[in-house]
Amino acid sequence: MDSGEEKLVELVNAWAAYSSVHDQADLPGFCLHYLTEQAKPVPLPTQHHHPILNSDVAPDAAIPTGEEAGQHQPKTQWVESLTERKNKSIATSRHIRPEAHLASLTGRLASYAHFYSKKAMQPIGFKSIEDPVYLIVLAQMGTPKKSELIYEMMAEFASGIDVINRLVKMELIEEFPDEQDRRSKRLLLTNKGITVIQETFPVMDKVADVAYSSLSEGEKTLLVQILQKLDKYHADHYRPNRTADFDTVYERMVAAQG
């Protein structure tokens, strides 16, 4: 048996093992499982290099001035002047765990997407991508209470109320008393809101293109499958843990699995 046949047998055995524990096993799910099982850990740096704080001068950043007009300080000197430290790296020497690296990357990617979407939404009159997303979720929910919409958006109540009030002022949604509870108010998407959503979709598509067009179609599909798994996991735990303290959340979601 040559090496090619050996690898084929290995693949068939892997499929047999996978299908034995997954009632609805399919090839896309198996391929994702196989790739992730075969993937080798990516070597992570023991120090985190900050693209701005660890460089002498940021390419397009404003450079702080010294006491004399026109006197510029290098970026590192400016940081030292704030921290009162000389010749010390801000980077940590602690080993970076894969989980921390994932958190860092997803956080940065969210910041990039917010940056692009904020620019794209300004001509439409929205403060950020959050505004049209509220409208889209409201359209899907029908006539929810304010608190229900805010909960669905996983937002803080105060910030959620700010968004809702802004959209009401823009006449994109309207509020009316709840027939079952007059102390509460329900929300409804207006005709103007529907029109604005339709105008916003092409812009949101462009934002998505800017954020993710560097990936191939296969990479996008693989990434979506992985993220959907992670999203489902957290969606299942979000409701029961919403009012719990972090130690309890950790115990339920991490320690209990060990």
Protein backbone atom coordinates (compact mmCIF):
# COMPACT_ATOMS: atom_id res chain seq x y z
CA MET A 1 0.00 0.00 0.00
CA ASP A 2 1.54 3.28 -1.09
CA SER A 3 1.39 6.53 0.87
CA GLY A 4 -1.58 7.82 -1.14
CA GLU A 5 -3.64 4.73 -0.32
CA GLU A 6 -2.64 4.97 3.34
CA LYS A 7 -3.88 8.56 3.50
CA LEU A 8 -7.15 7.57 1.84
CA VAL A 9 -7.68 4.80 4.41
CA GLU A 10 -6.87 7.31 7.15
CA LEU A 11 -9.49 9.69 5.74
CA VAL A 12 -12.14 6.96 5.50
CA ASN A 13 -11.45 5.92 9.11
CA ALA A 14 -11.74 9.53 10.21
CA TRP A 15 -15.13 9.78 8.46
CA ALA A 16 -16.28 6.57 10.14
CA ALA A 17 -15.29 7.90 13.55
CA TYR A 18 -16.97 11.25 12.90
CA SER A 19 -20.22 9.81 11.55
CA SER A 20 -20.49 7.40 14.49
CA VAL A 21 -20.91 10.28 16.94
CA HIS A 22 -22.86 12.68 14.69
CA ASP A 23 -26.33 11.51 13.71
CA GLN A 24 -26.65 14.08 10.92
CA ALA A 25 -23.07 13.91 9.67
CA ASP A 26 -22.43 15.57 6.33
CA LEU A 27 -19.33 16.26 4.26
CA PRO A 28 -19.06 20.03 4.98
CA GLY A 29 -19.28 19.36 8.72
CA PHE A 30 -16.79 16.50 8.47
CA CYS A 31 -14.33 18.60 6.44
CA LEU A 32 -14.49 21.39 8.99
CA HIS A 33 -13.99 18.89 11.82
CA TYR A 34 -11.10 17.19 10.03
CA LEU A 35 -9.33 20.44 9.19
CA THR A 36 -9.57 21.76 12.74
CA GLU A 37 -8.40 18.43 14.18
CA GLN A 38 -5.40 18.36 11.84
CA ALA A 39 -4.49 22.02 12.25
CA LYS A 40 -1.24 22.69 14.02
CA PRO A 41 -1.09 25.47 16.65
CA VAL A 42 0.16 28.76 15.24
CA PRO A 43 3.33 29.89 17.05
CA LEU A 44 2.43 32.96 19.06
CA PRO A 45 4.84 35.71 20.06
CA THR A 46 5.73 36.00 23.71
CA GLN A 47 5.58 39.77 23.35
CA HIS A 48 2.83 41.87 21.83
CA HIS A 49 4.07 44.52 19.47
CA HIS A 50 1.77 47.54 19.42
CA PRO A 51 1.77 49.08 15.90
CA ILE A 52 1.65 52.64 17.26
CA LEU A 53 3.14 52.69 20.74
CA ASN A 54 6.18 50.66 19.71
CA SER A 55 6.98 52.75 16.64
CA ASP A 56 8.86 56.00 16.50
CA VAL A 57 6.28 57.90 14.48
CA ALA A 58 2.85 56.85 13.29
CA PRO A 59 2.52 57.50 9.51
CA ASP A 60 -0.49 59.82 9.62
CA ALA A 61 -0.87 60.59 13.31
CA ALA A 62 -0.59 64.04 14.83
CA ILE A 63 2.80 64.43 16.51
CA PRO A 64 2.82 66.11 19.94
CA THR A 65 4.75 69.33 20.15
CA GLY A 66 7.39 70.28 22.68
CA GLU A 67 7.73 73.51 24.62
CA GLU A 68 9.04 75.35 21.58
CA ALA A 69 6.70 75.82 18.63
CA GLY A 70 7.42 73.39 15.83
CA GLN A 71 9.57 71.16 18.01
CA HIS A 72 8.46 67.53 17.49
CA GLN A 73 9.07 64.61 19.81
CA PRO A 74 9.34 61.02 18.58
CA LYS A 75 6.32 58.91 19.46
CA THR A 76 8.28 56.84 21.98
CA GLN A 77 9.42 59.97 23.80
CA TRP A 78 5.82 61.19 23.92
CA VAL A 79 4.71 57.91 25.49
CA GLU A 80 7.56 58.12 27.99
CA SER A 81 6.52 61.64 28.90
CA LEU A 82 3.08 60.32 29.83
CA THR A 83 4.25 57.23 31.69
CA GLU A 84 7.39 58.78 33.20
CA ARG A 85 9.30 55.70 32.08
CA LYS A 86 12.50 55.68 30.04
CA ASN A 87 13.64 52.91 27.69
CA LYS A 88 10.96 50.46 28.85
CA SER A 89 8.79 48.45 26.49
CA ILE A 90 5.04 48.63 26.99
CA ALA A 91 4.79 45.06 25.66
CA THR A 92 4.25 42.28 28.15
CA SER A 93 6.64 39.35 28.40
CA ARG A 94 3.84 36.98 29.42
CA HIS A 95 3.11 34.10 27.04
CA ILE A 96 0.00 34.78 24.96
CA ARG A 97 -2.55 31.95 25.09
CA PRO A 98 -4.46 31.09 21.88
CA GLU A 99 -7.72 32.16 23.57
CA ALA A 100 -6.25 35.58 24.35
CA HIS A 101 -4.95 35.87 20.80
CA LEU A 102 -8.44 35.07 19.46
CA ALA A 103 -9.99 37.68 21.75
CA SER A 104 -7.46 40.26 20.59
CA LEU A 105 -8.01 39.49 16.90
CA THR A 106 -11.83 39.47 17.07
CA GLY A 107 -11.76 42.71 19.05
CA ARG A 108 -9.51 44.38 16.49
CA LEU A 109 -11.62 43.09 13.60
CA ALA A 110 -14.74 44.50 15.25
CA SER A 111 -12.97 47.85 15.60
CA TYR A 112 -12.01 47.84 11.93
CA ALA A 113 -15.59 47.03 10.91
CA HIS A 114 -16.92 49.81 13.17
CA PHE A 115 -14.43 52.25 11.64
CA TYR A 116 -15.50 51.45 8.08
CA SER A 117 -19.22 51.34 8.86
CA LYS A 118 -19.17 54.66 10.71
CA LYS A 119 -17.73 56.36 7.64
CA ALA A 120 -20.26 54.63 5.39
CA MET A 121 -23.28 55.46 7.57
CA GLN A 122 -22.59 59.17 8.03
CA PRO A 123 -23.95 60.28 4.62
CA ILE A 124 -27.21 58.46 5.40
CA GLY A 125 -27.56 60.27 8.71
CA PHE A 126 -26.78 57.33 10.98
CA LYS A 127 -24.31 57.60 13.83
CA SER A 128 -22.98 54.09 13.24
CA ILE A 129 -23.87 50.66 11.85
CA GLU A 130 -25.75 50.04 15.10
CA ASP A 131 -28.61 52.31 14.00
CA PRO A 132 -29.69 50.38 10.87
CA VAL A 133 -29.14 47.08 12.67
CA TYR A 134 -31.68 48.18 15.29
CA LEU A 135 -34.13 48.85 12.44
CA ILE A 136 -33.50 45.46 10.83
CA VAL A 137 -33.93 43.57 14.12
CA LEU A 138 -37.08 45.59 14.87
CA ALA A 139 -38.50 44.63 11.47
CA GLN A 140 -37.84 40.96 12.29
CA MET A 141 -39.43 41.21 15.75
CA GLY A 142 -42.57 43.09 14.71
CA THR A 143 -43.76 45.28 17.59
CA PRO A 144 -41.55 44.48 20.58
CA LYS A 145 -41.25 46.38 23.84
CA LYS A 146 -38.26 48.69 24.11
CA SER A 147 -36.65 46.36 26.64
CA GLU A 148 -37.16 43.36 24.36
CA LEU A 149 -35.42 45.06 21.44
CA ILE A 150 -32.54 46.19 23.63
CA TYR A 151 -32.18 42.67 25.03
CA GLU A 152 -32.17 41.19 21.53
CA MET A 153 -29.40 43.63 20.58
CA MET A 154 -27.43 42.58 23.69
CA ALA A 155 -26.97 46.25 24.55
CA GLU A 156 -26.82 48.12 27.84
CA PHE A 157 -30.25 49.56 28.64
CA ALA A 158 -29.11 53.19 28.72
CA SER A 159 -27.24 53.00 25.41
CA GLY A 160 -30.13 51.09 23.85
CA ILE A 161 -32.60 53.77 24.90
CA ASP A 162 -30.32 56.40 23.35
CA VAL A 163 -30.37 54.58 20.00
CA ILE A 164 -34.15 54.11 20.12
CA ASN A 165 -34.77 57.76 20.99
CA ARG A 166 -32.50 58.82 18.14
CA LEU A 167 -34.39 56.63 15.66
CA VAL A 168 -37.74 57.92 16.96
CA LYS A 169 -36.55 61.48 16.46
CA MET A 170 -35.54 60.58 12.90
CA GLU A 171 -39.11 59.25 12.41
CA LEU A 172 -37.79 55.83 11.44
CA ILE A 173 -39.65 54.09 14.25
CA GLU A 174 -42.64 55.07 16.37
CA GLU A 175 -43.62 54.08 19.86
CA PHE A 176 -47.09 53.35 21.21
CA PRO A 177 -48.53 52.15 24.55
CA ASP A 178 -48.64 48.44 25.27
CA GLU A 179 -52.29 47.37 25.54
CA GLN A 180 -51.41 44.82 28.22
CA ASP A 181 -49.18 47.15 30.22
CA ARG A 182 -49.73 50.88 29.83
CA ARG A 183 -46.49 51.59 31.64
CA SER A 184 -44.57 50.01 28.78
CA LYS A 185 -44.24 51.13 25.19
CA ARG A 186 -43.91 49.09 22.06
CA LEU A 187 -42.05 49.98 18.88
CA LEU A 188 -43.04 49.87 15.24
CA LEU A 189 -41.01 50.44 12.09
CA THR A 190 -42.42 53.33 10.05
CA ASN A 191 -42.74 53.46 6.27
CA LYS A 192 -39.85 55.89 6.27
CA GLY A 193 -37.83 53.40 8.30
CA ILE A 194 -38.56 50.63 5.79
CA THR A 195 -37.40 52.88 2.95
CA VAL A 196 -34.21 53.79 4.78
CA ILE A 197 -33.41 50.12 5.47
CA GLN A 198 -33.74 49.36 1.76
CA GLU A 199 -31.39 52.25 0.97
CA THR A 200 -28.92 51.07 3.59
CA PHE A 201 -28.52 47.46 2.43
CA PRO A 202 -26.24 48.30 -0.55
CA VAL A 203 -24.06 50.44 1.72
CA MET A 204 -23.81 47.64 4.29
CA ASP A 205 -22.81 45.27 1.50
CA LYS A 206 -19.97 47.62 0.57
CA VAL A 207 -18.81 47.72 4.19
CA ALA A 208 -18.78 43.92 4.25
CA ASP A 209 -16.79 43.88 1.00
CA VAL A 210 -14.18 46.23 2.47
CA ALA A 211 -13.93 44.18 5.67
CA TYR A 212 -13.82 40.66 4.21
CA SER A 213 -13.01 40.76 0.48
CA SER A 214 -9.38 39.76 1.14
CA LEU A 215 -10.59 36.24 2.00
CA SER A 216 -11.30 33.62 -0.64
CA GLU A 217 -14.82 32.16 -0.92
CA GLY A 218 -13.61 28.97 0.74
CA GLU A 219 -12.02 30.89 3.60
CA LYS A 220 -15.21 32.88 4.13
CA THR A 221 -17.28 29.69 4.24
CA LEU A 222 -14.90 28.03 6.70
CA LEU A 223 -14.77 31.11 8.90
CA VAL A 224 -18.57 31.42 8.93
CA GLN A 225 -18.93 27.79 9.99
CA ILE A 226 -16.49 28.23 12.87
CA LEU A 227 -18.04 31.49 14.02
CA GLN A 228 -21.57 30.06 13.82
CA LYS A 229 -20.50 27.30 16.19
CA LEU A 230 -19.11 29.87 18.61
CA ASP A 231 -22.17 32.11 18.26
CA LYS A 232 -24.56 29.24 19.01
CA TYR A 233 -22.54 28.30 22.08
CA HIS A 234 -22.74 31.80 23.51
CA ALA A 235 -26.37 32.29 22.48
CA ASP A 236 -27.28 29.21 24.53
CA HIS A 237 -25.47 30.58 27.58
CA TYR A 238 -26.29 34.28 27.30
CA ARG A 239 -29.80 34.22 28.78
CA PRO A 240 -29.12 32.13 31.92
CA ASN A 241 -25.89 34.03 32.61
CA ARG A 242 -27.08 37.55 31.90
CA THR A 243 -27.53 38.56 35.54
CA ALA A 244 -24.85 36.29 37.01
CA ASP A 245 -21.50 37.58 38.26
CA PHE A 246 -18.42 36.70 36.23
CA ASP A 247 -17.11 34.05 38.63
CA THR A 248 -20.41 32.19 38.27
CA VAL A 249 -20.28 32.56 34.47
CA TYR A 250 -16.74 31.18 34.43
CA GLU A 251 -17.71 28.26 36.65
CA ARG A 252 -20.65 27.33 34.42
CA MET A 253 -18.96 27.78 31.05
CA VAL A 254 -15.33 26.87 31.67
CA ALA A 255 -14.58 25.19 34.98
CA ALA A 256 -17.53 22.78 34.73
CA GLN A 257 -16.24 21.52 31.37
CA GLY A 258 -12.86 20.64 32.82
